[in-house]
Amino acid sequence: QFRLPDGSSVTNTFSSSDSLDAARQFVAQHLQLQSFAMATMFPRRQFTDADMGSSLLDLGLAPSAALVVLPARPGASIVSSGGSAGIMDLMWYVLSPLAALWRFLHTFLFGAPQAPGGAGDASQSQPRQQQ
């Protein structure tokens, strides 16, 4: 899946042995973008020209992945995050599992939060489908 700068997404299937360059060519041809970079959100990684020859499997993008398409602005260089972002990444790695554990325990002990509109509403017993 490719998440585009305008917020929309496009899905395409590639073989795990395909190179990242095949995905880049798909974006360039089918989405008519010329100057862009690709990255993953979690863990945060921006791909460089050196990664383009690597297979999707070698890059950890198989069996599935969501790539963010980042537009390149004229005069601006696209650089990967550095400096104090390492500390924020470490905090994210530590706190994310703790937050997930807290939500699990809270739901297990106290039940799922009730939706506004009354507890006796029959529509609450049916799961909502996301669009």
N, C-alpha and C. Protein backbone atom coordinates (compact mmCIF):
# COMPACT_ATOMS: atom_id res chain seq x y z
N GLN A 1 0.85 -1.17 0.00
CA GLN A 1 0.00 0.00 0.00
C GLN A 1 0.90 1.24 0.00
N PHE A 2 0.51 2.22 -0.79
CA PHE A 2 1.22 3.49 -0.86
C PHE A 2 0.31 4.57 -0.31
N ARG A 3 0.80 5.33 0.65
CA ARG A 3 0.06 6.46 1.20
C ARG A 3 0.62 7.72 0.56
N LEU A 4 -0.26 8.44 -0.11
CA LEU A 4 0.16 9.58 -0.92
C LEU A 4 0.11 10.88 -0.14
N PRO A 5 0.81 11.91 -0.62
CA PRO A 5 0.86 13.19 0.08
C PRO A 5 -0.52 13.84 0.28
N ASP A 6 -1.48 13.54 -0.60
CA ASP A 6 -2.81 14.15 -0.45
C ASP A 6 -3.70 13.39 0.53
N GLY A 7 -3.18 12.32 1.15
CA GLY A 7 -3.94 11.56 2.14
C GLY A 7 -4.59 10.31 1.57
N SER A 8 -4.64 10.17 0.27
CA SER A 8 -5.24 8.98 -0.34
C SER A 8 -4.24 7.84 -0.32
N SER A 9 -4.71 6.65 -0.64
CA SER A 9 -3.82 5.50 -0.69
C SER A 9 -4.11 4.68 -1.94
N VAL A 10 -3.09 3.99 -2.41
CA VAL A 10 -3.17 3.13 -3.58
C VAL A 10 -2.52 1.81 -3.20
N THR A 11 -3.14 0.72 -3.62
CA THR A 11 -2.62 -0.60 -3.30
C THR A 11 -2.17 -1.31 -4.56
N ASN A 12 -1.06 -2.00 -4.48
CA ASN A 12 -0.56 -2.82 -5.59
C ASN A 12 0.16 -4.01 -4.98
N THR A 13 0.21 -5.12 -5.72
CA THR A 13 0.88 -6.32 -5.25
C THR A 13 2.18 -6.52 -6.01
N PHE A 14 3.24 -6.80 -5.27
CA PHE A 14 4.55 -7.08 -5.82
C PHE A 14 5.03 -8.41 -5.28
N SER A 15 5.92 -9.04 -5.99
CA SER A 15 6.57 -10.26 -5.50
C SER A 15 7.59 -9.86 -4.44
N SER A 16 7.81 -10.74 -3.46
CA SER A 16 8.79 -10.42 -2.42
C SER A 16 10.20 -10.33 -2.98
N SER A 17 10.43 -10.92 -4.16
CA SER A 17 11.75 -10.84 -4.77
C SER A 17 11.94 -9.59 -5.63
N ASP A 18 10.85 -8.83 -5.86
CA ASP A 18 10.97 -7.58 -6.62
C ASP A 18 11.81 -6.58 -5.84
N SER A 19 12.48 -5.71 -6.58
CA SER A 19 13.29 -4.69 -5.92
C SER A 19 12.41 -3.51 -5.52
N LEU A 20 12.95 -2.71 -4.61
CA LEU A 20 12.25 -1.50 -4.21
C LEU A 20 12.10 -0.56 -5.41
N ASP A 21 13.02 -0.66 -6.36
CA ASP A 21 12.94 0.16 -7.55
C ASP A 21 11.68 -0.15 -8.36
N ALA A 22 11.20 -1.38 -8.34
CA ALA A 22 9.96 -1.73 -9.03
C ALA A 22 8.78 -0.98 -8.40
N ALA A 23 8.78 -0.88 -7.09
CA ALA A 23 7.72 -0.12 -6.41
C ALA A 23 7.84 1.37 -6.73
N ARG A 24 9.08 1.86 -6.78
CA ARG A 24 9.30 3.27 -7.12
C ARG A 24 8.81 3.57 -8.54
N GLN A 25 9.10 2.65 -9.48
CA GLN A 25 8.64 2.85 -10.86
C GLN A 25 7.12 2.82 -10.95
N PHE A 26 6.47 1.97 -10.15
CA PHE A 26 5.01 1.94 -10.12
C PHE A 26 4.46 3.30 -9.70
N VAL A 27 5.02 3.86 -8.66
CA VAL A 27 4.56 5.17 -8.18
C VAL A 27 4.80 6.22 -9.25
N ALA A 28 5.98 6.22 -9.85
CA ALA A 28 6.31 7.24 -10.86
C ALA A 28 5.40 7.14 -12.08
N GLN A 29 5.12 5.92 -12.55
CA GLN A 29 4.34 5.75 -13.77
C GLN A 29 2.84 5.87 -13.54
N HIS A 30 2.33 5.13 -12.58
CA HIS A 30 0.88 5.07 -12.39
C HIS A 30 0.30 6.24 -11.61
N LEU A 31 1.10 6.85 -10.77
CA LEU A 31 0.61 7.96 -9.98
C LEU A 31 1.13 9.30 -10.49
N GLN A 32 1.91 9.25 -11.54
CA GLN A 32 2.44 10.43 -12.22
C GLN A 32 3.16 11.38 -11.27
N LEU A 33 4.01 10.79 -10.44
CA LEU A 33 4.88 11.58 -9.57
C LEU A 33 6.30 11.42 -10.08
N GLN A 34 7.06 12.47 -10.06
CA GLN A 34 8.42 12.41 -10.57
C GLN A 34 9.46 12.51 -9.46
N SER A 35 9.35 13.49 -8.62
CA SER A 35 10.35 13.72 -7.59
C SER A 35 9.74 13.41 -6.23
N PHE A 36 10.14 12.28 -5.65
CA PHE A 36 9.56 11.86 -4.38
C PHE A 36 10.52 10.90 -3.68
N ALA A 37 10.25 10.66 -2.42
CA ALA A 37 10.98 9.66 -1.64
C ALA A 37 9.95 8.72 -1.02
N MET A 38 10.41 7.56 -0.59
CA MET A 38 9.51 6.60 0.05
C MET A 38 10.06 6.26 1.43
N ALA A 39 9.14 6.02 2.37
CA ALA A 39 9.54 5.72 3.73
C ALA A 39 8.49 4.82 4.38
N THR A 40 8.89 4.18 5.47
CA THR A 40 7.94 3.47 6.32
C THR A 40 7.75 4.31 7.57
N MET A 41 6.59 4.19 8.19
CA MET A 41 6.31 5.00 9.37
C MET A 41 6.79 4.33 10.65
N PHE A 42 6.60 3.00 10.76
CA PHE A 42 7.02 2.33 11.98
C PHE A 42 7.66 1.02 11.63
N PRO A 43 8.90 0.81 11.86
CA PRO A 43 9.83 1.82 12.36
C PRO A 43 10.13 2.85 11.28
N ARG A 44 10.39 4.05 11.69
CA ARG A 44 10.62 5.16 10.76
C ARG A 44 11.90 4.88 9.98
N ARG A 45 11.74 4.78 8.66
CA ARG A 45 12.89 4.55 7.79
C ARG A 45 12.62 5.17 6.44
N GLN A 46 13.52 6.02 6.00
CA GLN A 46 13.42 6.60 4.67
C GLN A 46 14.40 5.89 3.77
N PHE A 47 13.93 5.43 2.62
CA PHE A 47 14.76 4.66 1.71
C PHE A 47 15.58 5.58 0.83
N THR A 48 16.80 5.16 0.55
CA THR A 48 17.73 5.94 -0.26
C THR A 48 17.96 5.23 -1.59
N ASP A 49 18.75 5.85 -2.46
CA ASP A 49 19.09 5.24 -3.74
C ASP A 49 19.80 3.90 -3.55
N ALA A 50 20.54 3.76 -2.47
CA ALA A 50 21.26 2.51 -2.20
C ALA A 50 20.29 1.35 -1.92
N ASP A 51 19.08 1.65 -1.44
CA ASP A 51 18.08 0.62 -1.14
C ASP A 51 17.32 0.16 -2.37
N MET A 52 17.37 0.92 -3.46
CA MET A 52 16.54 0.63 -4.63
C MET A 52 16.82 -0.73 -5.26
N GLY A 53 18.04 -1.24 -5.16
CA GLY A 53 18.37 -2.53 -5.74
C GLY A 53 18.04 -3.71 -4.84
N SER A 54 17.70 -3.45 -3.59
CA SER A 54 17.40 -4.52 -2.64
C SER A 54 15.98 -5.04 -2.85
N SER A 55 15.79 -6.33 -2.53
CA SER A 55 14.46 -6.92 -2.68
C SER A 55 13.56 -6.44 -1.54
N LEU A 56 12.26 -6.51 -1.78
CA LEU A 56 11.29 -6.11 -0.76
C LEU A 56 11.43 -7.00 0.47
N LEU A 57 11.75 -8.26 0.26
CA LEU A 57 11.95 -9.20 1.38
C LEU A 57 13.17 -8.79 2.20
N ASP A 58 14.27 -8.45 1.53
CA ASP A 58 15.48 -8.04 2.24
C ASP A 58 15.28 -6.75 3.03
N LEU A 59 14.40 -5.89 2.57
CA LEU A 59 14.14 -4.62 3.25
C LEU A 59 13.08 -4.75 4.34
N GLY A 60 12.53 -5.95 4.51
CA GLY A 60 11.50 -6.16 5.53
C GLY A 60 10.13 -5.66 5.10
N LEU A 61 9.90 -5.53 3.80
CA LEU A 61 8.63 -5.02 3.30
C LEU A 61 7.71 -6.14 2.81
N ALA A 62 8.08 -7.39 3.02
CA ALA A 62 7.25 -8.52 2.62
C ALA A 62 6.89 -9.29 3.89
N PRO A 63 5.71 -9.82 4.02
CA PRO A 63 4.69 -10.03 3.01
C PRO A 63 3.81 -8.81 2.73
N SER A 64 3.79 -7.82 3.63
CA SER A 64 3.01 -6.62 3.33
C SER A 64 3.64 -5.43 4.02
N ALA A 65 3.37 -4.26 3.47
CA ALA A 65 3.93 -3.03 4.04
C ALA A 65 3.14 -1.84 3.53
N ALA A 66 3.22 -0.77 4.29
CA ALA A 66 2.65 0.51 3.87
C ALA A 66 3.80 1.48 3.69
N LEU A 67 3.94 1.99 2.48
CA LEU A 67 5.00 2.96 2.18
C LEU A 67 4.38 4.34 2.05
N VAL A 68 5.00 5.29 2.67
CA VAL A 68 4.56 6.68 2.58
C VAL A 68 5.35 7.34 1.45
N VAL A 69 4.63 7.99 0.55
CA VAL A 69 5.27 8.70 -0.57
C VAL A 69 5.44 10.15 -0.12
N LEU A 70 6.69 10.57 -0.05
CA LEU A 70 7.01 11.92 0.41
C LEU A 70 7.40 12.79 -0.77
N PRO A 71 6.72 13.90 -0.97
CA PRO A 71 7.08 14.76 -2.10
C PRO A 71 8.40 15.47 -1.84
N ALA A 72 9.18 15.61 -2.89
CA ALA A 72 10.44 16.36 -2.79
C ALA A 72 10.16 17.78 -3.23
N ARG A 73 10.53 18.72 -2.40
CA ARG A 73 10.33 20.13 -2.72
C ARG A 73 11.56 20.68 -3.43
N PRO A 74 11.36 21.55 -4.41
CA PRO A 74 12.52 22.14 -5.09
C PRO A 74 13.39 22.89 -4.09
N GLY A 75 14.69 22.64 -4.15
CA GLY A 75 15.62 23.33 -3.27
C GLY A 75 15.75 22.71 -1.90
N ALA A 76 14.94 21.70 -1.60
CA ALA A 76 15.01 21.07 -0.29
C ALA A 76 15.59 19.67 -0.45
N SER A 77 16.46 19.31 0.43
CA SER A 77 17.00 17.96 0.38
C SER A 77 16.19 17.09 1.34
N ILE A 78 16.02 15.84 0.96
CA ILE A 78 15.30 14.90 1.80
C ILE A 78 16.32 14.14 2.61
N VAL A 79 16.25 14.29 3.92
CA VAL A 79 17.20 13.62 4.79
C VAL A 79 16.44 12.76 5.78
N SER A 80 17.10 11.71 6.24
CA SER A 80 16.46 10.87 7.25
C SER A 80 16.58 11.56 8.60
N SER A 81 15.68 11.17 9.50
CA SER A 81 15.68 11.79 10.81
C SER A 81 16.95 11.39 11.56
N GLY A 82 17.47 12.32 12.31
CA GLY A 82 18.68 12.05 13.07
C GLY A 82 18.68 12.90 14.32
N GLY A 83 19.79 12.99 14.97
CA GLY A 83 19.90 13.81 16.17
C GLY A 83 19.07 13.26 17.30
N SER A 84 18.21 14.07 17.88
CA SER A 84 17.42 13.67 19.04
C SER A 84 16.28 12.74 18.67
N ALA A 85 16.05 12.48 17.38
CA ALA A 85 14.98 11.56 16.99
C ALA A 85 15.28 10.16 17.51
N GLY A 86 16.54 9.81 17.71
CA GLY A 86 16.88 8.50 18.25
C GLY A 86 16.29 8.31 19.63
N ILE A 87 16.31 9.34 20.44
CA ILE A 87 15.72 9.27 21.78
C ILE A 87 14.21 9.11 21.68
N MET A 88 13.59 9.83 20.77
CA MET A 88 12.14 9.72 20.61
C MET A 88 11.77 8.32 20.10
N ASP A 89 12.58 7.77 19.20
CA ASP A 89 12.32 6.41 18.72
C ASP A 89 12.40 5.42 19.87
N LEU A 90 13.40 5.57 20.71
CA LEU A 90 13.56 4.68 21.86
C LEU A 90 12.36 4.79 22.79
N MET A 91 11.92 6.01 23.05
CA MET A 91 10.74 6.20 23.91
C MET A 91 9.51 5.56 23.27
N TRP A 92 9.37 5.70 21.96
CA TRP A 92 8.23 5.10 21.26
C TRP A 92 8.26 3.59 21.39
N TYR A 93 9.44 2.97 21.22
CA TYR A 93 9.57 1.52 21.33
C TYR A 93 9.22 1.03 22.73
N VAL A 94 9.56 1.81 23.75
CA VAL A 94 9.29 1.40 25.12
C VAL A 94 7.83 1.66 25.49
N LEU A 95 7.30 2.81 25.13
CA LEU A 95 5.96 3.18 25.57
C LEU A 95 4.83 2.54 24.77
N SER A 96 5.06 2.23 23.51
CA SER A 96 3.99 1.64 22.70
C SER A 96 3.51 0.30 23.24
N PRO A 97 4.41 -0.64 23.57
CA PRO A 97 3.91 -1.89 24.14
C PRO A 97 3.23 -1.70 25.49
N LEU A 98 3.74 -0.74 26.29
CA LEU A 98 3.09 -0.48 27.58
C LEU A 98 1.69 0.08 27.39
N ALA A 99 1.50 0.96 26.43
CA ALA A 99 0.18 1.52 26.16
C ALA A 99 -0.77 0.43 25.65
N ALA A 100 -0.27 -0.45 24.79
CA ALA A 100 -1.11 -1.54 24.29
C ALA A 100 -1.50 -2.48 25.43
N LEU A 101 -0.56 -2.78 26.32
CA LEU A 101 -0.85 -3.63 27.48
C LEU A 101 -1.88 -2.96 28.38
N TRP A 102 -1.76 -1.66 28.61
CA TRP A 102 -2.72 -0.93 29.42
C TRP A 102 -4.13 -1.00 28.81
N ARG A 103 -4.24 -0.78 27.49
CA ARG A 103 -5.55 -0.85 26.84
C ARG A 103 -6.14 -2.25 26.96
N PHE A 104 -5.31 -3.29 26.80
CA PHE A 104 -5.79 -4.66 26.91
C PHE A 104 -6.30 -4.94 28.32
N LEU A 105 -5.50 -4.59 29.34
CA LEU A 105 -5.91 -4.83 30.72
C LEU A 105 -7.16 -4.03 31.08
N HIS A 106 -7.23 -2.79 30.64
CA HIS A 106 -8.39 -1.95 30.93
C HIS A 106 -9.65 -2.55 30.31
N THR A 107 -9.56 -2.99 29.07
CA THR A 107 -10.71 -3.61 28.41
C THR A 107 -11.07 -4.93 29.08
N PHE A 108 -10.08 -5.72 29.47
CA PHE A 108 -10.32 -7.01 30.12
C PHE A 108 -11.00 -6.82 31.47
N LEU A 109 -10.52 -5.86 32.26
CA LEU A 109 -11.05 -5.66 33.61
C LEU A 109 -12.35 -4.88 33.64
N PHE A 110 -12.48 -3.88 32.80
CA PHE A 110 -13.62 -2.97 32.88
C PHE A 110 -14.54 -3.05 31.68
N GLY A 111 -14.22 -3.84 30.69
CA GLY A 111 -15.05 -3.96 29.50
C GLY A 111 -14.75 -2.85 28.51
N ALA A 112 -15.31 -3.02 27.33
CA ALA A 112 -15.13 -2.01 26.28
C ALA A 112 -15.92 -0.76 26.64
N PRO A 113 -15.41 0.40 26.31
CA PRO A 113 -16.16 1.64 26.59
C PRO A 113 -17.47 1.66 25.83
N GLN A 114 -18.52 2.16 26.49
CA GLN A 114 -19.83 2.26 25.87
C GLN A 114 -19.89 3.46 24.94
N ALA A 115 -20.50 3.27 23.80
CA ALA A 115 -20.68 4.37 22.86
C ALA A 115 -21.77 5.29 23.37
N PRO A 116 -21.70 6.58 23.09
CA PRO A 116 -22.76 7.49 23.52
C PRO A 116 -24.08 7.12 22.85
N GLY A 117 -25.16 7.29 23.58
CA GLY A 117 -26.46 7.00 22.99
C GLY A 117 -27.24 5.96 23.76
N GLY A 118 -26.70 5.47 24.87
CA GLY A 118 -27.45 4.53 25.70
C GLY A 118 -26.92 3.12 25.59
N ALA A 119 -26.98 2.41 26.75
CA ALA A 119 -26.44 1.05 26.81
C ALA A 119 -27.39 0.04 26.21
N GLY A 120 -28.68 0.35 26.09
CA GLY A 120 -29.64 -0.63 25.60
C GLY A 120 -29.84 -0.59 24.10
N ASP A 121 -29.06 0.18 23.39
CA ASP A 121 -29.20 0.31 21.94
C ASP A 121 -28.78 -0.98 21.25
N ALA A 122 -29.64 -1.56 20.42
CA ALA A 122 -29.35 -2.84 19.76
C ALA A 122 -28.25 -2.71 18.72
N SER A 123 -28.02 -1.52 18.20
CA SER A 123 -27.00 -1.37 17.17
C SER A 123 -25.58 -1.52 17.72
N GLN A 124 -25.43 -1.44 19.05
CA GLN A 124 -24.10 -1.58 19.62
C GLN A 124 -23.61 -3.02 19.60
N SER A 125 -24.50 -3.99 19.49
CA SER A 125 -24.08 -5.38 19.52
C SER A 125 -23.49 -5.82 18.19
N GLN A 126 -23.65 -5.02 17.15
CA GLN A 126 -23.10 -5.36 15.85
C GLN A 126 -21.82 -4.58 15.62
N PRO A 127 -20.77 -5.26 15.13
CA PRO A 127 -19.50 -4.53 14.89
C PRO A 127 -19.67 -3.53 13.76
N ARG A 128 -18.96 -2.44 13.88
CA ARG A 128 -18.97 -1.40 12.85
C ARG A 128 -17.95 -1.75 11.81
N GLN A 129 -18.29 -1.52 10.56
CA GLN A 129 -17.36 -1.75 9.47
C GLN A 129 -16.70 -0.43 9.11
N GLN A 130 -15.38 -0.50 8.92
CA GLN A 130 -14.66 0.70 8.52
C GLN A 130 -14.70 0.84 7.02
N GLN A 131 -14.72 2.07 6.57
CA GLN A 131 -14.78 2.33 5.13
C GLN A 131 -13.43 2.51 4.56
